[in-house]
Amino acid sequence: MEVHFPPELEQKLTNSAAKEGRNPNELLQDVVTQYFEEKERFGRVGERLQIDSIPELPVSHLGEVGSLHRRDIYDDVR
């Protein structure tokens, strides 16, 4: 597979690889690998953080005003 970068980005890649004493292709492979690992990891975290998975909070009574529930607050924000 060939990947084409703008000259400025290619120069940054070349300079960064040189500073690390590495081949630009190796550095690019590491960067792309890390990107997909992070994307997968945050995808799993995001699935666990969906609002539907948060348990309901107990109702708080506010005297004569009535009860206030987490869903009431959340719906008002949307």
Protein backbone atom coordinates (compact mmCIF):
# COMPACT_ATOMS: atom_id res chain seq x y z
CA MET A 1 0.00 0.00 0.00
CA GLU A 2 1.24 3.47 -0.79
CA VAL A 3 0.33 6.49 1.27
CA HIS A 4 0.94 10.01 -0.01
CA PHE A 5 1.41 12.94 2.36
CA PRO A 6 1.73 16.65 1.76
CA PRO A 7 5.42 17.64 1.71
CA GLU A 8 5.21 19.39 5.10
CA LEU A 9 3.79 16.30 6.81
CA GLU A 10 6.27 14.01 5.11
CA GLN A 11 9.11 16.24 6.34
CA LYS A 12 7.77 16.10 9.92
CA LEU A 13 7.60 12.31 9.71
CA THR A 14 11.15 12.11 8.35
CA ASN A 15 12.49 14.51 11.02
CA SER A 16 10.70 12.72 13.85
CA ALA A 17 11.97 9.33 12.70
CA ALA A 18 15.52 10.68 12.40
CA LYS A 19 15.41 12.09 15.95
CA GLU A 20 14.40 8.64 17.19
CA GLY A 21 17.00 6.91 15.01
CA ARG A 22 14.28 5.03 13.13
CA ASN A 23 13.10 4.42 9.62
CA PRO A 24 10.10 6.65 8.70
CA ASN A 25 8.14 3.57 7.56
CA GLU A 26 8.61 1.89 10.95
CA LEU A 27 7.53 5.04 12.78
CA LEU A 28 4.46 5.36 10.58
CA GLN A 29 3.49 1.73 11.19
CA ASP A 30 3.76 2.29 14.95
CA VAL A 31 1.66 5.45 14.77
CA VAL A 32 -1.09 3.75 12.75
CA THR A 33 -1.05 0.72 15.05
CA GLN A 34 -1.41 2.95 18.13
CA TYR A 35 -4.23 4.85 16.45
CA PHE A 36 -6.28 1.69 15.92
CA GLU A 37 -5.51 0.35 19.39
CA GLU A 38 -6.68 3.61 20.97
CA LYS A 39 -9.75 3.75 18.77
CA GLU A 40 -10.70 0.21 19.82
CA ARG A 41 -10.02 0.91 23.50
CA PHE A 42 -12.06 4.11 23.56
CA GLY A 43 -14.83 2.40 21.60
CA ARG A 44 -15.14 -0.16 24.39
CA VAL A 45 -15.10 2.59 27.04
CA GLY A 46 -17.77 4.54 25.16
CA GLU A 47 -20.04 1.51 25.04
CA ARG A 48 -19.82 1.22 28.82
CA LEU A 49 -20.56 4.92 29.37
CA GLN A 50 -23.81 5.17 27.46
CA ILE A 51 -26.48 7.01 29.40
CA ASP A 52 -28.84 4.04 29.23
CA SER A 53 -26.42 1.96 31.27
CA ILE A 54 -26.43 4.41 34.20
CA PRO A 55 -28.78 3.20 36.94
CA GLU A 56 -31.71 5.38 37.93
CA LEU A 57 -31.12 7.68 40.87
CA PRO A 58 -33.59 7.70 43.75
CA VAL A 59 -36.33 10.32 43.73
CA SER A 60 -35.57 13.39 45.81
CA HIS A 61 -38.64 15.02 47.39
CA LEU A 62 -38.70 18.77 47.31
CA GLY A 63 -41.59 19.48 49.64
CA GLU A 64 -44.66 20.95 47.97
CA VAL A 65 -42.88 21.35 44.65
CA GLY A 66 -43.05 17.61 44.12
CA SER A 67 -40.45 15.07 43.23
CA LEU A 68 -37.48 15.58 40.99
CA HIS A 69 -36.02 12.65 39.14
CA ARG A 70 -32.76 12.31 37.19
CA ARG A 71 -34.73 11.63 34.01
CA ASP A 72 -36.62 14.94 34.43
CA ILE A 73 -33.36 16.83 34.63
CA TYR A 74 -31.79 14.93 31.73
CA ASP A 75 -34.83 15.48 29.49
CA ASP A 76 -34.78 19.21 30.23
CA VAL A 77 -31.13 19.43 29.20
CA ARG A 78 -31.76 17.79 25.85
